[in-house]
């Protein structure tokens, strides 16, 4: 009987101890990190922003959010806020639940006193020297190299017939480039890519009989049966259409362009590799500041 009573008392003691520890964790003091950013936009494709405090080399997560408008207050443990050396803002994919920072870091900064100035270039790319051009052509249906005289239906980011038309920096892990054509009622991707001198992962609408150049671009000649683009008639003309290069999260599931667009241009009414369109650069990038209490 004594042994049984001892076991019962031991179990009760352990339970009280566990409850006490859990209660202590739950009641640990918390504070708010104030996040103030410029150039970020609301995420609408199901992904989320998430802040991370780096404490003793380990990431400590904040709550996720989608709207960066104004000052965003992120609740964290007071001890983590005090000991943090760095703040990182990531974009987390749809359905993320692993509590590990994604590779898609968009802002980062080291704490100096109570504030961390957050920058873009070191975790995405320095886009201060980007440039680009494109021309209209449809090489994928030029059988035996013979032009079908339908070049208004394709766009290629090339300089002449053998050189890349884009000057772009290498992106950090977690990011990719993507081309787009705005057909008025819908903006359609030309494919994603990592380098200006490689074929992108698009070419969904290509013709037959010709070749796909080793550069980013797309021929809008044939609409596959499994693809629905209401309001766009194929072949789809790119004449006078807005053409854009964006920087996108690698895990992005949003069919619309991301808001970081370093290059844009509007196609004219001329076609062919000898009549390129020079793109306009936009080197503005997000920035911000994370502030912790004194």
C-alpha atoms as a PDB file:
ATOM      1  CA  UNK A   1       0.000   0.000   0.000  1.00  0.00           C
ATOM      2  CA  UNK A   2       2.853   2.368   0.878  1.00  0.00           C
ATOM      3  CA  UNK A   3       4.465   1.754  -2.516  1.00  0.00           C
ATOM      4  CA  UNK A   4       1.206   2.464  -4.308  1.00  0.00           C
ATOM      5  CA  UNK A   5       0.692   5.724  -2.383  1.00  0.00           C
ATOM      6  CA  UNK A   6       4.278   6.757  -3.145  1.00  0.00           C
ATOM      7  CA  UNK A   7       3.732   6.214  -6.877  1.00  0.00           C
ATOM      8  CA  UNK A   8       0.518   8.230  -6.819  1.00  0.00           C
ATOM      9  CA  UNK A   9       2.190  11.118  -4.988  1.00  0.00           C
ATOM     10  CA  UNK A  10       5.129  11.025  -7.403  1.00  0.00           C
ATOM     11  CA  UNK A  11       2.792  11.215 -10.412  1.00  0.00           C
ATOM     12  CA  UNK A  12       0.925  14.128  -8.867  1.00  0.00           C
ATOM     13  CA  UNK A  13       4.201  15.940  -8.173  1.00  0.00           C
ATOM     14  CA  UNK A  14       5.371  15.487 -11.747  1.00  0.00           C
ATOM     15  CA  UNK A  15       2.020  16.710 -13.049  1.00  0.00           C
ATOM     16  CA  UNK A  16       2.129  19.812 -10.869  1.00  0.00           C
ATOM     17  CA  UNK A  17       5.729  20.475 -11.913  1.00  0.00           C
ATOM     18  CA  UNK A  18       4.865  20.133 -15.623  1.00  0.00           C
ATOM     19  CA  UNK A  19       1.849  22.397 -15.232  1.00  0.00           C
ATOM     20  CA  UNK A  20       3.948  24.944 -13.394  1.00  0.00           C
ATOM     21  CA  UNK A  21       6.636  24.934 -16.105  1.00  0.00           C
ATOM     22  CA  UNK A  22       4.017  25.198 -18.843  1.00  0.00           C
ATOM     23  CA  UNK A  23       2.383  28.079 -17.004  1.00  0.00           C
ATOM     24  CA  UNK A  24       5.741  29.810 -16.658  1.00  0.00           C
ATOM     25  CA  UNK A  25       6.290  29.510 -20.423  1.00  0.00           C
ATOM     26  CA  UNK A  26       2.814  30.791 -21.155  1.00  0.00           C
ATOM     27  CA  UNK A  27       3.305  33.762 -18.851  1.00  0.00           C
ATOM     28  CA  UNK A  28       6.767  34.728 -20.100  1.00  0.00           C
ATOM     29  CA  UNK A  29       6.839  38.471 -20.763  1.00  0.00           C
ATOM     30  CA  UNK A  30       6.317  39.540 -24.364  1.00  0.00           C
ATOM     31  CA  UNK A  31       6.988  42.748 -26.275  1.00  0.00           C
ATOM     32  CA  UNK A  32       6.320  44.027 -29.775  1.00  0.00           C
ATOM     33  CA  UNK A  33       8.804  44.445 -32.592  1.00  0.00           C
ATOM     34  CA  UNK A  34       7.639  47.361 -34.746  1.00  0.00           C
ATOM     35  CA  UNK A  35       8.172  46.748 -38.449  1.00  0.00           C
ATOM     36  CA  UNK A  36       7.983  49.770 -40.734  1.00  0.00           C
ATOM     37  CA  UNK A  37       8.620  49.141 -44.445  1.00  0.00           C
ATOM     38  CA  UNK A  38       8.655  50.956 -47.768  1.00  0.00           C
ATOM     39  CA  UNK A  39       7.980  49.251 -51.085  1.00  0.00           C
ATOM     40  CA  UNK A  40       6.346  46.065 -49.854  1.00  0.00           C
ATOM     41  CA  UNK A  41       2.874  45.227 -51.130  1.00  0.00           C
ATOM     42  CA  UNK A  42       0.027  43.065 -49.888  1.00  0.00           C
ATOM     43  CA  UNK A  43       0.499  39.371 -50.694  1.00  0.00           C
ATOM     44  CA  UNK A  44      -2.603  37.969 -52.403  1.00  0.00           C
ATOM     45  CA  UNK A  45      -1.592  34.536 -53.690  1.00  0.00           C
ATOM     46  CA  UNK A  46      -1.749  32.658 -50.383  1.00  0.00           C
ATOM     47  CA  UNK A  47       1.848  33.237 -49.289  1.00  0.00           C
ATOM     48  CA  UNK A  48       2.719  35.253 -46.176  1.00  0.00           C
ATOM     49  CA  UNK A  49       5.384  37.499 -44.750  1.00  0.00           C
ATOM     50  CA  UNK A  50       7.067  36.266 -41.590  1.00  0.00           C
ATOM     51  CA  UNK A  51       9.620  37.945 -39.357  1.00  0.00           C
ATOM     52  CA  UNK A  52      12.516  36.166 -37.661  1.00  0.00           C
ATOM     53  CA  UNK A  53      14.722  37.273 -34.793  1.00  0.00           C
ATOM     54  CA  UNK A  54      18.166  35.702 -34.820  1.00  0.00           C
ATOM     55  CA  UNK A  55      19.071  34.848 -31.228  1.00  0.00           C
ATOM     56  CA  UNK A  56      22.356  33.031 -30.551  1.00  0.00           C
ATOM     57  CA  UNK A  57      22.373  32.005 -34.194  1.00  0.00           C
ATOM     58  CA  UNK A  58      18.868  30.501 -34.061  1.00  0.00           C
ATOM     59  CA  UNK A  59      15.748  31.883 -35.816  1.00  0.00           C
ATOM     60  CA  UNK A  60      12.831  32.837 -33.563  1.00  0.00           C
ATOM     61  CA  UNK A  61       9.601  33.308 -35.552  1.00  0.00           C
ATOM     62  CA  UNK A  62       7.011  36.036 -35.347  1.00  0.00           C
ATOM     63  CA  UNK A  63       3.422  35.697 -36.497  1.00  0.00           C
ATOM     64  CA  UNK A  64       2.752  35.662 -40.227  1.00  0.00           C
ATOM     65  CA  UNK A  65       0.985  38.514 -42.008  1.00  0.00           C
ATOM     66  CA  UNK A  66       0.038  39.508 -45.555  1.00  0.00           C
ATOM     67  CA  UNK A  67      -0.522  43.271 -45.314  1.00  0.00           C
ATOM     68  CA  UNK A  68       2.625  45.344 -44.626  1.00  0.00           C
ATOM     69  CA  UNK A  69       0.775  48.669 -44.737  1.00  0.00           C
ATOM     70  CA  UNK A  70       1.716  51.089 -41.972  1.00  0.00           C
ATOM     71  CA  UNK A  71       3.535  49.838 -38.892  1.00  0.00           C
ATOM     72  CA  UNK A  72       3.200  46.101 -38.256  1.00  0.00           C
ATOM     73  CA  UNK A  73       3.591  45.092 -34.605  1.00  0.00           C
ATOM     74  CA  UNK A  74       4.976  41.593 -34.121  1.00  0.00           C
ATOM     75  CA  UNK A  75       4.739  40.049 -30.659  1.00  0.00           C
ATOM     76  CA  UNK A  76       7.827  38.162 -29.448  1.00  0.00           C
ATOM     77  CA  UNK A  77       9.301  37.016 -26.157  1.00  0.00           C
ATOM     78  CA  UNK A  78      10.950  39.913 -24.358  1.00  0.00           C
ATOM     79  CA  UNK A  79      14.095  37.848 -23.844  1.00  0.00           C
ATOM     80  CA  UNK A  80      14.344  37.132 -27.590  1.00  0.00           C
ATOM     81  CA  UNK A  81      13.860  40.803 -28.451  1.00  0.00           C
ATOM     82  CA  UNK A  82      16.597  41.757 -25.995  1.00  0.00           C
ATOM     83  CA  UNK A  83      19.114  39.168 -27.221  1.00  0.00           C
ATOM     84  CA  UNK A  84      18.417  39.347 -30.965  1.00  0.00           C
ATOM     85  CA  UNK A  85      21.308  40.369 -33.189  1.00  0.00           C
ATOM     86  CA  UNK A  86      19.452  40.382 -36.512  1.00  0.00           C
ATOM     87  CA  UNK A  87      15.980  40.659 -38.049  1.00  0.00           C
ATOM     88  CA  UNK A  88      14.987  38.838 -41.224  1.00  0.00           C
ATOM     89  CA  UNK A  89      11.741  39.092 -43.192  1.00  0.00           C
ATOM     90  CA  UNK A  90      10.866  36.119 -45.376  1.00  0.00           C
ATOM     91  CA  UNK A  91       8.062  35.166 -47.714  1.00  0.00           C
ATOM     92  CA  UNK A  92       6.609  31.825 -46.663  1.00  0.00           C
ATOM     93  CA  UNK A  93       4.750  29.619 -49.166  1.00  0.00           C
ATOM     94  CA  UNK A  94       1.114  28.570 -49.150  1.00  0.00           C
ATOM     95  CA  UNK A  95       0.507  25.922 -46.492  1.00  0.00           C
ATOM     96  CA  UNK A  96       3.815  26.510 -44.698  1.00  0.00           C
ATOM     97  CA  UNK A  97       3.825  24.952 -41.220  1.00  0.00           C
ATOM     98  CA  UNK A  98       7.441  23.932 -40.580  1.00  0.00           C
ATOM     99  CA  UNK A  99       8.421  27.003 -38.516  1.00  0.00           C
ATOM    100  CA  UNK A 100      11.695  27.209 -40.434  1.00  0.00           C
ATOM    101  CA  UNK A 101      12.631  30.316 -42.453  1.00  0.00           C
ATOM    102  CA  UNK A 102      12.161  29.876 -46.195  1.00  0.00           C
ATOM    103  CA  UNK A 103      14.993  30.664 -48.590  1.00  0.00           C
ATOM    104  CA  UNK A 104      12.945  33.593 -49.876  1.00  0.00           C
ATOM    105  CA  UNK A 105      14.389  36.324 -47.681  1.00  0.00           C
ATOM    106  CA  UNK A 106      13.282  39.779 -48.799  1.00  0.00           C
ATOM    107  CA  UNK A 107      14.686  42.092 -46.073  1.00  0.00           C
ATOM    108  CA  UNK A 108      17.499  41.714 -43.550  1.00  0.00           C
ATOM    109  CA  UNK A 109      19.329  43.893 -41.049  1.00  0.00           C
ATOM    110  CA  UNK A 110      21.512  43.762 -37.944  1.00  0.00           C
ATOM    111  CA  UNK A 111      20.367  45.362 -34.713  1.00  0.00           C
ATOM    112  CA  UNK A 112      22.291  48.396 -33.540  1.00  0.00           C
ATOM    113  CA  UNK A 113      20.785  49.496 -30.268  1.00  0.00           C
ATOM    114  CA  UNK A 114      17.030  49.285 -30.582  1.00  0.00           C
ATOM    115  CA  UNK A 115      16.780  49.364 -34.382  1.00  0.00           C
ATOM    116  CA  UNK A 116      17.753  47.254 -37.377  1.00  0.00           C
ATOM    117  CA  UNK A 117      17.851  48.975 -40.768  1.00  0.00           C
ATOM    118  CA  UNK A 118      16.546  46.449 -43.302  1.00  0.00           C
ATOM    119  CA  UNK A 119      17.901  46.068 -46.829  1.00  0.00           C
ATOM    120  CA  UNK A 120      17.012  44.095 -49.942  1.00  0.00           C
ATOM    121  CA  UNK A 121      20.149  43.822 -52.036  1.00  0.00           C
ATOM    122  CA  UNK A 122      22.154  41.432 -49.848  1.00  0.00           C
ATOM    123  CA  UNK A 123      19.389  38.804 -49.703  1.00  0.00           C
ATOM    124  CA  UNK A 124      17.893  39.127 -53.208  1.00  0.00           C
ATOM    125  CA  UNK A 125      20.166  41.045 -55.610  1.00  0.00           C
ATOM    126  CA  UNK A 126      21.646  44.423 -56.429  1.00  0.00           C
ATOM    127  CA  UNK A 127      19.514  45.538 -59.377  1.00  0.00           C
ATOM    128  CA  UNK A 128      21.049  48.989 -59.771  1.00  0.00           C
ATOM    129  CA  UNK A 129      22.631  48.099 -63.142  1.00  0.00           C
ATOM    130  CA  UNK A 130      19.937  46.073 -64.898  1.00  0.00           C
ATOM    131  CA  UNK A 131      19.091  46.659 -68.556  1.00  0.00           C
ATOM    132  CA  UNK A 132      17.114  44.874 -71.207  1.00  0.00           C
ATOM    133  CA  UNK A 133      15.616  44.691 -74.645  1.00  0.00           C
ATOM    134  CA  UNK A 134      13.328  42.401 -76.611  1.00  0.00           C
ATOM    135  CA  UNK A 135      11.987  42.002 -80.104  1.00  0.00           C
ATOM    136  CA  UNK A 136       8.937  40.361 -81.631  1.00  0.00           C
ATOM    137  CA  UNK A 137       9.457  37.126 -83.528  1.00  0.00           C
ATOM    138  CA  UNK A 138       8.117  33.557 -83.723  1.00  0.00           C
ATOM    139  CA  UNK A 139      11.085  31.217 -84.201  1.00  0.00           C
ATOM    140  CA  UNK A 140       9.269  28.106 -82.993  1.00  0.00           C
ATOM    141  CA  UNK A 141       7.234  27.701 -86.200  1.00  0.00           C
ATOM    142  CA  UNK A 142       9.924  28.732 -88.692  1.00  0.00           C
ATOM    143  CA  UNK A 143      10.475  25.342 -90.297  1.00  0.00           C
ATOM    144  CA  UNK A 144      13.921  25.055 -91.889  1.00  0.00           C
ATOM    145  CA  UNK A 145      14.574  28.616 -90.728  1.00  0.00           C
ATOM    146  CA  UNK A 146      11.999  30.090 -93.117  1.00  0.00           C
ATOM    147  CA  UNK A 147      10.108  33.011 -91.555  1.00  0.00           C
ATOM    148  CA  UNK A 148       6.325  32.558 -91.567  1.00  0.00           C
ATOM    149  CA  UNK A 149       5.762  36.331 -91.461  1.00  0.00           C
ATOM    150  CA  UNK A 150       3.791  36.115 -88.218  1.00  0.00           C
ATOM    151  CA  UNK A 151       6.377  37.645 -85.884  1.00  0.00           C
ATOM    152  CA  UNK A 152       3.818  39.786 -84.052  1.00  0.00           C
ATOM    153  CA  UNK A 153       2.818  36.701 -82.030  1.00  0.00           C
ATOM    154  CA  UNK A 154       6.073  36.188 -80.115  1.00  0.00           C
ATOM    155  CA  UNK A 155       8.440  38.041 -77.787  1.00  0.00           C
ATOM    156  CA  UNK A 156      12.106  37.208 -77.153  1.00  0.00           C
ATOM    157  CA  UNK A 157      14.559  38.810 -74.742  1.00  0.00           C
ATOM    158  CA  UNK A 158      17.490  38.768 -77.137  1.00  0.00           C
ATOM    159  CA  UNK A 159      20.063  41.105 -78.677  1.00  0.00           C
ATOM    160  CA  UNK A 160      20.141  40.102 -82.321  1.00  0.00           C
ATOM    161  CA  UNK A 161      19.983  36.408 -83.105  1.00  0.00           C
ATOM    162  CA  UNK A 162      22.742  35.085 -80.858  1.00  0.00           C
ATOM    163  CA  UNK A 163      23.149  37.253 -77.737  1.00  0.00           C
ATOM    164  CA  UNK A 164      21.113  37.779 -74.575  1.00  0.00           C
ATOM    165  CA  UNK A 165      18.948  40.866 -74.425  1.00  0.00           C
ATOM    166  CA  UNK A 166      18.886  41.103 -70.627  1.00  0.00           C
ATOM    167  CA  UNK A 167      21.599  42.227 -68.224  1.00  0.00           C
ATOM    168  CA  UNK A 168      20.555  40.893 -64.838  1.00  0.00           C
ATOM    169  CA  UNK A 169      22.390  39.966 -61.631  1.00  0.00           C
ATOM    170  CA  UNK A 170      22.372  36.440 -60.261  1.00  0.00           C
ATOM    171  CA  UNK A 171      19.586  36.121 -57.712  1.00  0.00           C
ATOM    172  CA  UNK A 172      20.074  34.680 -54.251  1.00  0.00           C
ATOM    173  CA  UNK A 173      18.484  31.355 -53.360  1.00  0.00           C
ATOM    174  CA  UNK A 174      14.694  31.548 -53.117  1.00  0.00           C
ATOM    175  CA  UNK A 175      14.165  33.877 -56.099  1.00  0.00           C
ATOM    176  CA  UNK A 176      13.684  33.651 -59.880  1.00  0.00           C
ATOM    177  CA  UNK A 177      13.053  35.938 -62.846  1.00  0.00           C
ATOM    178  CA  UNK A 178       9.833  35.793 -64.851  1.00  0.00           C
ATOM    179  CA  UNK A 179       8.692  37.430 -68.077  1.00  0.00           C
ATOM    180  CA  UNK A 180       5.134  38.681 -68.679  1.00  0.00           C
ATOM    181  CA  UNK A 181       2.943  40.082 -71.457  1.00  0.00           C
ATOM    182  CA  UNK A 182      -0.123  42.137 -70.576  1.00  0.00           C
ATOM    183  CA  UNK A 183      -2.882  41.266 -73.024  1.00  0.00           C
ATOM    184  CA  UNK A 184      -5.311  43.706 -71.428  1.00  0.00           C
ATOM    185  CA  UNK A 185      -7.682  41.390 -69.630  1.00  0.00           C
ATOM    186  CA  UNK A 186      -4.944  39.082 -68.403  1.00  0.00           C
ATOM    187  CA  UNK A 187      -1.185  39.148 -67.825  1.00  0.00           C
ATOM    188  CA  UNK A 188       0.403  35.937 -69.133  1.00  0.00           C
ATOM    189  CA  UNK A 189       3.772  34.517 -68.122  1.00  0.00           C
ATOM    190  CA  UNK A 190       6.450  33.828 -70.709  1.00  0.00           C
ATOM    191  CA  UNK A 191       8.226  31.523 -68.222  1.00  0.00           C
ATOM    192  CA  UNK A 192      10.665  31.715 -65.326  1.00  0.00           C
ATOM    193  CA  UNK A 193      14.447  31.658 -65.606  1.00  0.00           C
ATOM    194  CA  UNK A 194      17.632  32.206 -63.634  1.00  0.00           C
ATOM    195  CA  UNK A 195      19.996  33.419 -66.375  1.00  0.00           C
ATOM    196  CA  UNK A 196      19.595  35.614 -69.446  1.00  0.00           C
ATOM    197  CA  UNK A 197      21.325  33.152 -71.767  1.00  0.00           C
ATOM    198  CA  UNK A 198      19.220  30.057 -71.095  1.00  0.00           C
ATOM    199  CA  UNK A 199      15.839  28.816 -72.268  1.00  0.00           C
ATOM    200  CA  UNK A 200      13.171  29.542 -69.678  1.00  0.00           C
ATOM    201  CA  UNK A 201      10.687  27.009 -68.325  1.00  0.00           C
ATOM    202  CA  UNK A 202       7.812  28.394 -70.430  1.00  0.00           C
ATOM    203  CA  UNK A 203       7.263  27.779 -74.166  1.00  0.00           C
ATOM    204  CA  UNK A 204       3.813  26.486 -73.360  1.00  0.00           C
ATOM    205  CA  UNK A 205       2.307  28.206 -76.402  1.00  0.00           C
ATOM    206  CA  UNK A 206       5.030  27.519 -78.969  1.00  0.00           C
ATOM    207  CA  UNK A 207       4.474  26.486 -82.565  1.00  0.00           C
ATOM    208  CA  UNK A 208       5.968  23.495 -84.343  1.00  0.00           C
ATOM    209  CA  UNK A 209       8.641  22.954 -86.946  1.00  0.00           C
ATOM    210  CA  UNK A 210      11.034  25.615 -85.680  1.00  0.00           C
ATOM    211  CA  UNK A 211      13.366  25.876 -82.703  1.00  0.00           C
ATOM    212  CA  UNK A 212      13.211  27.378 -79.223  1.00  0.00           C
ATOM    213  CA  UNK A 213      16.097  29.868 -78.842  1.00  0.00           C
ATOM    214  CA  UNK A 214      18.461  29.455 -75.865  1.00  0.00           C
ATOM    215  CA  UNK A 215      17.087  32.648 -74.311  1.00  0.00           C
ATOM    216  CA  UNK A 216      13.951  33.617 -72.359  1.00  0.00           C
ATOM    217  CA  UNK A 217      10.863  34.333 -74.425  1.00  0.00           C
ATOM    218  CA  UNK A 218       7.594  32.926 -75.728  1.00  0.00           C
ATOM    219  CA  UNK A 219       5.649  32.403 -78.936  1.00  0.00           C
ATOM    220  CA  UNK A 220       1.913  32.838 -78.352  1.00  0.00           C
ATOM    221  CA  UNK A 221       0.884  30.677 -81.289  1.00  0.00           C
ATOM    222  CA  UNK A 222      -1.092  27.713 -79.944  1.00  0.00           C
ATOM    223  CA  UNK A 223      -3.284  27.482 -76.823  1.00  0.00           C
ATOM    224  CA  UNK A 224      -3.007  23.980 -75.321  1.00  0.00           C
ATOM    225  CA  UNK A 225      -6.298  22.292 -74.566  1.00  0.00           C
ATOM    226  CA  UNK A 226      -5.516  22.029 -70.849  1.00  0.00           C
ATOM    227  CA  UNK A 227      -4.941  25.788 -70.514  1.00  0.00           C
ATOM    228  CA  UNK A 228      -7.782  28.276 -70.090  1.00  0.00           C
ATOM    229  CA  UNK A 229      -7.197  31.926 -71.009  1.00  0.00           C
ATOM    230  CA  UNK A 230     -10.666  33.442 -71.497  1.00  0.00           C
ATOM    231  CA  UNK A 231     -10.686  36.601 -73.571  1.00  0.00           C
ATOM    232  CA  UNK A 232      -7.390  35.903 -75.370  1.00  0.00           C
ATOM    233  CA  UNK A 233      -7.581  34.623 -78.938  1.00  0.00           C
ATOM    234  CA  UNK A 234      -4.656  32.563 -80.234  1.00  0.00           C
ATOM    235  CA  UNK A 235      -2.432  33.249 -81.987  1.00  0.00           C
ATOM    236  CA  UNK A 236      -2.165  36.243 -79.631  1.00  0.00           C
ATOM    237  CA  UNK A 237      -0.527  39.405 -80.924  1.00  0.00           C
ATOM    238  CA  UNK A 238       2.084  41.138 -78.756  1.00  0.00           C
ATOM    239  CA  UNK A 239       1.944  44.344 -80.827  1.00  0.00           C
ATOM    240  CA  UNK A 240       1.608  47.400 -78.541  1.00  0.00           C
ATOM    241  CA  UNK A 241       1.478  45.192 -75.438  1.00  0.00           C
ATOM    242  CA  UNK A 242       3.307  45.883 -72.165  1.00  0.00           C
ATOM    243  CA  UNK A 243       6.167  43.465 -71.496  1.00  0.00           C
ATOM    244  CA  UNK A 244       7.696  43.059 -68.018  1.00  0.00           C
ATOM    245  CA  UNK A 245      10.486  41.216 -66.213  1.00  0.00           C
ATOM    246  CA  UNK A 246       9.778  40.581 -62.528  1.00  0.00           C
ATOM    247  CA  UNK A 247      11.662  39.057 -59.626  1.00  0.00           C
ATOM    248  CA  UNK A 248       9.515  36.320 -58.103  1.00  0.00           C
ATOM    249  CA  UNK A 249       9.669  34.068 -55.041  1.00  0.00           C
ATOM    250  CA  UNK A 250      10.746  30.596 -56.176  1.00  0.00           C
ATOM    251  CA  UNK A 251       7.827  29.045 -54.313  1.00  0.00           C
ATOM    252  CA  UNK A 252       5.312  31.542 -55.685  1.00  0.00           C
ATOM    253  CA  UNK A 253       1.931  30.038 -56.607  1.00  0.00           C
ATOM    254  CA  UNK A 254       0.320  33.331 -57.609  1.00  0.00           C
ATOM    255  CA  UNK A 255      -0.487  33.452 -61.366  1.00  0.00           C
ATOM    256  CA  UNK A 256      -0.128  37.253 -61.290  1.00  0.00           C
ATOM    257  CA  UNK A 257       3.204  39.129 -61.482  1.00  0.00           C
ATOM    258  CA  UNK A 258       5.076  39.871 -58.255  1.00  0.00           C
ATOM    259  CA  UNK A 259       5.475  43.556 -57.413  1.00  0.00           C
ATOM    260  CA  UNK A 260       9.260  43.797 -57.938  1.00  0.00           C
ATOM    261  CA  UNK A 261       9.584  44.645 -61.643  1.00  0.00           C
ATOM    262  CA  UNK A 262      13.047  45.912 -62.639  1.00  0.00           C
ATOM    263  CA  UNK A 263      12.340  46.034 -66.397  1.00  0.00           C
ATOM    264  CA  UNK A 264       9.312  47.056 -68.449  1.00  0.00           C
ATOM    265  CA  UNK A 265       8.730  47.982 -72.070  1.00  0.00           C
ATOM    266  CA  UNK A 266       5.919  48.407 -74.558  1.00  0.00           C
ATOM    267  CA  UNK A 267       6.088  46.593 -77.867  1.00  0.00           C
ATOM    268  CA  UNK A 268       5.612  48.710 -80.955  1.00  0.00           C
ATOM    269  CA  UNK A 269       4.211  47.713 -84.327  1.00  0.00           C
ATOM    270  CA  UNK A 270       7.503  46.536 -85.798  1.00  0.00           C
ATOM    271  CA  UNK A 271       8.925  43.033 -85.627  1.00  0.00           C
ATOM    272  CA  UNK A 272      12.194  41.194 -86.107  1.00  0.00           C
ATOM    273  CA  UNK A 273      15.596  41.032 -84.435  1.00  0.00           C
ATOM    274  CA  UNK A 274      16.787  44.230 -86.122  1.00  0.00           C
ATOM    275  CA  UNK A 275      14.025  46.263 -84.461  1.00  0.00           C
ATOM    276  CA  UNK A 276      14.436  45.756 -80.707  1.00  0.00           C
ATOM    277  CA  UNK A 277      12.514  47.542 -77.983  1.00  0.00           C
ATOM    278  CA  UNK A 278      14.654  49.002 -75.199  1.00  0.00           C
ATOM    279  CA  UNK A 279      13.190  48.362 -71.739  1.00  0.00           C
ATOM    280  CA  UNK A 280      12.805  50.944 -68.973  1.00  0.00           C
ATOM    281  CA  UNK A 281      14.585  50.180 -65.715  1.00  0.00           C
ATOM    282  CA  UNK A 282      13.076  50.456 -62.249  1.00  0.00           C
ATOM    283  CA  UNK A 283      15.749  50.048 -59.580  1.00  0.00           C
ATOM    284  CA  UNK A 284      13.513  50.859 -56.587  1.00  0.00           C
ATOM    285  CA  UNK A 285      13.581  48.064 -54.008  1.00  0.00           C
ATOM    286  CA  UNK A 286      11.899  47.536 -50.630  1.00  0.00           C
ATOM    287  CA  UNK A 287      13.500  48.717 -47.414  1.00  0.00           C
ATOM    288  CA  UNK A 288      12.494  49.019 -43.791  1.00  0.00           C
ATOM    289  CA  UNK A 289      13.307  49.175 -40.118  1.00  0.00           C
ATOM    290  CA  UNK A 290      12.615  46.821 -37.226  1.00  0.00           C
ATOM    291  CA  UNK A 291      12.503  48.449 -33.791  1.00  0.00           C
ATOM    292  CA  UNK A 292      12.562  46.754 -30.384  1.00  0.00           C
ATOM    293  CA  UNK A 293      11.815  48.322 -26.997  1.00  0.00           C
ATOM    294  CA  UNK A 294      14.586  49.877 -24.924  1.00  0.00           C
END
